[in-house]
Amino acid sequence: MTLKPLVTGVAAAAVVSAAAAGVTSIASGASLASAPAVAPVVFDVPLPLAPPAADVTAELKSVLYGLADPNVRFKDKGYLVEGGVGFIEGRTADRVLSNANAQGKLPLSFDVAPPRLSPDGLAATATVTASGPQTSPVSQDITFVNPTGNQWQLSKASATSLLTTFSA
């Protein structure tokens, strides 16, 4: 007869445990249903992908000063121009810089307005004003590219445009 009270006690414990689990799940479901829904506070605000404009402006100036250095041959400046510098382009650019230096137009000074960055941060356009000792200030919109995200370069079209501007 000792087995019957033991089985009855285990069965009672199982029923109480099941009831407690059911009450807990009902209570947690009820609390979730009555809890306020979490809503985002800010909508559609993208994370900044590009560095701040002040940093970019300094980097763009660095590209321009590197290209305008008459003491470095253009074939060694290919990393500063989108797609590099070909043999003919390099010789032409070296001749333009050499002539400008002989005429006292160098060194050039660059003023770069805050750039307008593309949404992905891999391109920038800025109004650049170049001037020198014998050079009146010339302003032009210049496009820069940053295909790898590590190094700004002058776009090929802007490089050609600048050479045309300063070869006159």
C-alpha atoms as a PDB file:
ATOM      1  CA  MET A   1       0.000   0.000   0.000  1.00  0.00           C
ATOM      2  CA  THR A   2       2.928   2.307   0.186  1.00  0.00           C
ATOM      3  CA  LEU A   3       3.138   2.414  -3.576  1.00  0.00           C
ATOM      4  CA  LYS A   4      -0.286   4.022  -4.040  1.00  0.00           C
ATOM      5  CA  PRO A   5       0.503   7.139  -1.968  1.00  0.00           C
ATOM      6  CA  LEU A   6       3.840   7.491  -3.782  1.00  0.00           C
ATOM      7  CA  VAL A   7       2.226   7.323  -7.240  1.00  0.00           C
ATOM      8  CA  THR A   8      -0.517   9.701  -6.113  1.00  0.00           C
ATOM      9  CA  GLY A   9       2.088  12.145  -4.809  1.00  0.00           C
ATOM     10  CA  VAL A  10       4.130  12.024  -8.051  1.00  0.00           C
ATOM     11  CA  ALA A  11       0.971  12.496 -10.119  1.00  0.00           C
ATOM     12  CA  ALA A  12      -0.082  15.426  -7.954  1.00  0.00           C
ATOM     13  CA  ALA A  13       3.374  16.977  -8.317  1.00  0.00           C
ATOM     14  CA  ALA A  14       3.231  16.553 -12.092  1.00  0.00           C
ATOM     15  CA  VAL A  15      -0.179  18.213 -12.252  1.00  0.00           C
ATOM     16  CA  VAL A  16       0.980  21.101 -10.091  1.00  0.00           C
ATOM     17  CA  SER A  17       4.141  21.502 -12.205  1.00  0.00           C
ATOM     18  CA  ALA A  18       2.168  21.435 -15.440  1.00  0.00           C
ATOM     19  CA  ALA A  19      -0.311  23.927 -14.056  1.00  0.00           C
ATOM     20  CA  ALA A  20       2.494  26.194 -12.920  1.00  0.00           C
ATOM     21  CA  ALA A  21       4.177  25.992 -16.344  1.00  0.00           C
ATOM     22  CA  GLY A  22       0.859  26.768 -18.040  1.00  0.00           C
ATOM     23  CA  VAL A  23       0.217  29.730 -15.771  1.00  0.00           C
ATOM     24  CA  THR A  24       3.746  30.994 -16.396  1.00  0.00           C
ATOM     25  CA  SER A  25       3.390  30.736 -20.160  1.00  0.00           C
ATOM     26  CA  ILE A  26      -0.031  32.391 -20.047  1.00  0.00           C
ATOM     27  CA  ALA A  27       1.331  35.151 -17.853  1.00  0.00           C
ATOM     28  CA  SER A  28       4.352  35.752 -20.066  1.00  0.00           C
ATOM     29  CA  GLY A  29       2.139  35.790 -23.159  1.00  0.00           C
ATOM     30  CA  ALA A  30      -0.198  38.215 -21.469  1.00  0.00           C
ATOM     31  CA  SER A  31       2.655  40.471 -20.435  1.00  0.00           C
ATOM     32  CA  LEU A  32       4.035  40.487 -23.978  1.00  0.00           C
ATOM     33  CA  ALA A  33       0.644  41.343 -25.385  1.00  0.00           C
ATOM     34  CA  SER A  34       0.131  44.193 -22.950  1.00  0.00           C
ATOM     35  CA  ALA A  35       3.710  45.511 -23.170  1.00  0.00           C
ATOM     36  CA  PRO A  36       4.188  48.521 -25.421  1.00  0.00           C
ATOM     37  CA  ALA A  37       5.794  47.791 -28.773  1.00  0.00           C
ATOM     38  CA  VAL A  38       9.348  49.041 -29.186  1.00  0.00           C
ATOM     39  CA  ALA A  39       9.535  51.522 -32.032  1.00  0.00           C
ATOM     40  CA  PRO A  40      12.693  53.030 -33.529  1.00  0.00           C
ATOM     41  CA  VAL A  41      13.227  56.661 -32.682  1.00  0.00           C
ATOM     42  CA  VAL A  42      15.121  57.675 -35.835  1.00  0.00           C
ATOM     43  CA  PHE A  43      14.091  56.623 -39.321  1.00  0.00           C
ATOM     44  CA  ASP A  44      16.261  56.369 -42.450  1.00  0.00           C
ATOM     45  CA  VAL A  45      19.344  58.045 -41.065  1.00  0.00           C
ATOM     46  CA  PRO A  46      22.317  56.476 -42.852  1.00  0.00           C
ATOM     47  CA  LEU A  47      25.544  55.863 -41.044  1.00  0.00           C
ATOM     48  CA  PRO A  48      28.354  58.096 -42.220  1.00  0.00           C
ATOM     49  CA  LEU A  49      30.304  56.256 -44.879  1.00  0.00           C
ATOM     50  CA  ALA A  50      32.754  58.963 -45.805  1.00  0.00           C
ATOM     51  CA  PRO A  51      35.241  60.796 -43.630  1.00  0.00           C
ATOM     52  CA  PRO A  52      34.401  64.354 -42.553  1.00  0.00           C
ATOM     53  CA  ALA A  53      34.782  66.999 -45.263  1.00  0.00           C
ATOM     54  CA  ALA A  54      37.685  68.722 -43.459  1.00  0.00           C
ATOM     55  CA  ASP A  55      39.780  65.540 -43.656  1.00  0.00           C
ATOM     56  CA  VAL A  56      38.833  65.040 -47.294  1.00  0.00           C
ATOM     57  CA  THR A  57      39.748  68.645 -48.148  1.00  0.00           C
ATOM     58  CA  ALA A  58      43.258  68.160 -46.754  1.00  0.00           C
ATOM     59  CA  GLU A  59      43.643  64.904 -48.699  1.00  0.00           C
ATOM     60  CA  LEU A  60      42.477  66.557 -51.937  1.00  0.00           C
ATOM     61  CA  LYS A  61      44.958  69.401 -51.441  1.00  0.00           C
ATOM     62  CA  SER A  62      47.686  66.823 -50.943  1.00  0.00           C
ATOM     63  CA  VAL A  63      46.843  65.264 -54.331  1.00  0.00           C
ATOM     64  CA  LEU A  64      46.972  68.667 -56.032  1.00  0.00           C
ATOM     65  CA  TYR A  65      50.276  69.682 -54.442  1.00  0.00           C
ATOM     66  CA  GLY A  66      51.738  66.304 -55.363  1.00  0.00           C
ATOM     67  CA  LEU A  67      50.722  66.762 -58.988  1.00  0.00           C
ATOM     68  CA  ALA A  68      52.016  70.343 -59.148  1.00  0.00           C
ATOM     69  CA  ASP A  69      55.491  69.472 -57.832  1.00  0.00           C
ATOM     70  CA  PRO A  70      57.865  70.306 -60.728  1.00  0.00           C
ATOM     71  CA  ASN A  71      60.717  68.334 -59.108  1.00  0.00           C
ATOM     72  CA  VAL A  72      58.971  64.963 -59.579  1.00  0.00           C
ATOM     73  CA  ARG A  73      58.431  63.537 -63.053  1.00  0.00           C
ATOM     74  CA  PHE A  74      54.846  62.807 -63.966  1.00  0.00           C
ATOM     75  CA  LYS A  75      55.496  59.120 -64.605  1.00  0.00           C
ATOM     76  CA  ASP A  76      56.164  58.913 -60.842  1.00  0.00           C
ATOM     77  CA  LYS A  77      52.854  60.646 -60.077  1.00  0.00           C
ATOM     78  CA  GLY A  78      50.642  58.100 -61.823  1.00  0.00           C
ATOM     79  CA  TYR A  79      49.139  56.942 -58.527  1.00  0.00           C
ATOM     80  CA  LEU A  80      47.615  60.424 -58.117  1.00  0.00           C
ATOM     81  CA  VAL A  81      45.591  60.233 -61.361  1.00  0.00           C
ATOM     82  CA  GLU A  82      42.687  57.890 -62.036  1.00  0.00           C
ATOM     83  CA  GLY A  83      43.910  55.109 -64.294  1.00  0.00           C
ATOM     84  CA  GLY A  84      47.530  56.268 -64.036  1.00  0.00           C
ATOM     85  CA  VAL A  85      49.554  58.405 -66.420  1.00  0.00           C
ATOM     86  CA  GLY A  86      50.577  57.161 -69.847  1.00  0.00           C
ATOM     87  CA  PHE A  87      53.913  57.903 -71.515  1.00  0.00           C
ATOM     88  CA  ILE A  88      52.585  60.677 -73.804  1.00  0.00           C
ATOM     89  CA  GLU A  89      50.445  62.212 -71.029  1.00  0.00           C
ATOM     90  CA  GLY A  90      53.399  62.193 -68.646  1.00  0.00           C
ATOM     91  CA  ARG A  91      55.740  63.864 -71.130  1.00  0.00           C
ATOM     92  CA  THR A  92      53.106  66.479 -71.968  1.00  0.00           C
ATOM     93  CA  ALA A  93      52.450  67.215 -68.286  1.00  0.00           C
ATOM     94  CA  ASP A  94      56.196  67.426 -67.567  1.00  0.00           C
ATOM     95  CA  ARG A  95      56.591  69.932 -70.422  1.00  0.00           C
ATOM     96  CA  VAL A  96      53.657  72.027 -69.147  1.00  0.00           C
ATOM     97  CA  LEU A  97      55.099  72.097 -65.609  1.00  0.00           C
ATOM     98  CA  SER A  98      58.597  72.853 -66.879  1.00  0.00           C
ATOM     99  CA  ASN A  99      57.321  75.775 -68.964  1.00  0.00           C
ATOM    100  CA  ALA A 100      55.215  77.100 -66.077  1.00  0.00           C
ATOM    101  CA  ASN A 101      58.232  76.883 -63.770  1.00  0.00           C
ATOM    102  CA  ALA A 102      60.446  78.700 -66.315  1.00  0.00           C
ATOM    103  CA  GLN A 103      57.828  81.476 -66.596  1.00  0.00           C
ATOM    104  CA  GLY A 104      57.738  81.930 -62.798  1.00  0.00           C
ATOM    105  CA  LYS A 105      54.204  80.580 -62.454  1.00  0.00           C
ATOM    106  CA  LEU A 106      55.193  77.984 -59.864  1.00  0.00           C
ATOM    107  CA  PRO A 107      54.817  77.087 -57.072  1.00  0.00           C
ATOM    108  CA  LEU A 108      51.066  76.931 -57.251  1.00  0.00           C
ATOM    109  CA  SER A 109      48.869  77.481 -54.238  1.00  0.00           C
ATOM    110  CA  PHE A 110      45.534  75.689 -53.988  1.00  0.00           C
ATOM    111  CA  ASP A 111      42.374  76.695 -52.183  1.00  0.00           C
ATOM    112  CA  VAL A 112      39.871  73.831 -52.072  1.00  0.00           C
ATOM    113  CA  ALA A 113      36.262  74.586 -51.166  1.00  0.00           C
ATOM    114  CA  PRO A 114      34.545  71.966 -48.996  1.00  0.00           C
ATOM    115  CA  PRO A 115      33.971  69.025 -51.318  1.00  0.00           C
ATOM    116  CA  ARG A 116      30.628  67.556 -52.260  1.00  0.00           C
ATOM    117  CA  LEU A 117      30.952  63.837 -51.575  1.00  0.00           C
ATOM    118  CA  SER A 118      29.048  61.129 -53.378  1.00  0.00           C
ATOM    119  CA  PRO A 119      26.735  59.072 -51.133  1.00  0.00           C
ATOM    120  CA  ASP A 120      29.195  56.160 -51.109  1.00  0.00           C
ATOM    121  CA  GLY A 121      32.149  58.457 -50.323  1.00  0.00           C
ATOM    122  CA  LEU A 122      34.146  57.227 -53.315  1.00  0.00           C
ATOM    123  CA  ALA A 123      33.955  60.442 -55.356  1.00  0.00           C
ATOM    124  CA  ALA A 124      34.122  64.133 -54.552  1.00  0.00           C
ATOM    125  CA  THR A 125      33.755  67.350 -56.481  1.00  0.00           C
ATOM    126  CA  ALA A 126      35.234  70.576 -55.204  1.00  0.00           C
ATOM    127  CA  THR A 127      35.784  74.057 -56.519  1.00  0.00           C
ATOM    128  CA  VAL A 128      39.549  74.497 -56.618  1.00  0.00           C
ATOM    129  CA  THR A 129      41.245  77.854 -56.989  1.00  0.00           C
ATOM    130  CA  ALA A 130      44.858  77.694 -58.119  1.00  0.00           C
ATOM    131  CA  SER A 131      47.191  80.684 -58.092  1.00  0.00           C
ATOM    132  CA  GLY A 132      50.899  81.288 -58.283  1.00  0.00           C
ATOM    133  CA  PRO A 133      53.485  84.094 -58.303  1.00  0.00           C
ATOM    134  CA  GLN A 134      52.805  84.929 -61.961  1.00  0.00           C
ATOM    135  CA  THR A 135      49.444  83.192 -62.238  1.00  0.00           C
ATOM    136  CA  SER A 136      46.114  84.886 -61.743  1.00  0.00           C
ATOM    137  CA  PRO A 137      43.713  82.828 -59.626  1.00  0.00           C
ATOM    138  CA  VAL A 138      41.843  80.274 -61.707  1.00  0.00           C
ATOM    139  CA  SER A 139      38.807  78.494 -60.261  1.00  0.00           C
ATOM    140  CA  GLN A 140      37.481  75.241 -61.609  1.00  0.00           C
ATOM    141  CA  ASP A 141      35.286  72.380 -60.425  1.00  0.00           C
ATOM    142  CA  ILE A 142      37.519  69.347 -60.035  1.00  0.00           C
ATOM    143  CA  THR A 143      36.406  65.749 -59.579  1.00  0.00           C
ATOM    144  CA  PHE A 144      38.361  63.327 -57.443  1.00  0.00           C
ATOM    145  CA  VAL A 145      37.824  59.592 -57.115  1.00  0.00           C
ATOM    146  CA  ASN A 146      38.689  57.165 -54.361  1.00  0.00           C
ATOM    147  CA  PRO A 147      38.060  53.745 -55.922  1.00  0.00           C
ATOM    148  CA  THR A 148      39.688  51.722 -53.139  1.00  0.00           C
ATOM    149  CA  GLY A 149      38.637  53.966 -50.261  1.00  0.00           C
ATOM    150  CA  ASN A 150      42.315  54.463 -49.351  1.00  0.00           C
ATOM    151  CA  GLN A 151      43.738  57.051 -51.762  1.00  0.00           C
ATOM    152  CA  TRP A 152      42.157  60.040 -53.443  1.00  0.00           C
ATOM    153  CA  GLN A 153      43.062  60.561 -57.092  1.00  0.00           C
ATOM    154  CA  LEU A 154      42.327  63.259 -59.626  1.00  0.00           C
ATOM    155  CA  SER A 155      39.781  61.974 -62.141  1.00  0.00           C
ATOM    156  CA  LYS A 156      41.146  61.455 -65.654  1.00  0.00           C
ATOM    157  CA  ALA A 157      38.764  64.073 -67.093  1.00  0.00           C
ATOM    158  CA  SER A 158      39.792  66.664 -64.478  1.00  0.00           C
ATOM    159  CA  ALA A 159      43.491  65.946 -65.048  1.00  0.00           C
ATOM    160  CA  THR A 160      43.069  66.562 -68.765  1.00  0.00           C
ATOM    161  CA  SER A 161      41.083  69.725 -68.089  1.00  0.00           C
ATOM    162  CA  LEU A 162      43.734  71.068 -65.705  1.00  0.00           C
ATOM    163  CA  LEU A 163      46.531  70.412 -68.187  1.00  0.00           C
ATOM    164  CA  THR A 164      44.596  72.289 -70.851  1.00  0.00           C
ATOM    165  CA  THR A 165      43.993  75.212 -68.457  1.00  0.00           C
ATOM    166  CA  PHE A 166      47.643  75.579 -67.442  1.00  0.00           C
ATOM    167  CA  SER A 167      49.199  74.833 -70.824  1.00  0.00           C
ATOM    168  CA  ALA A 168      47.863  78.084 -72.286  1.00  0.00           C
END
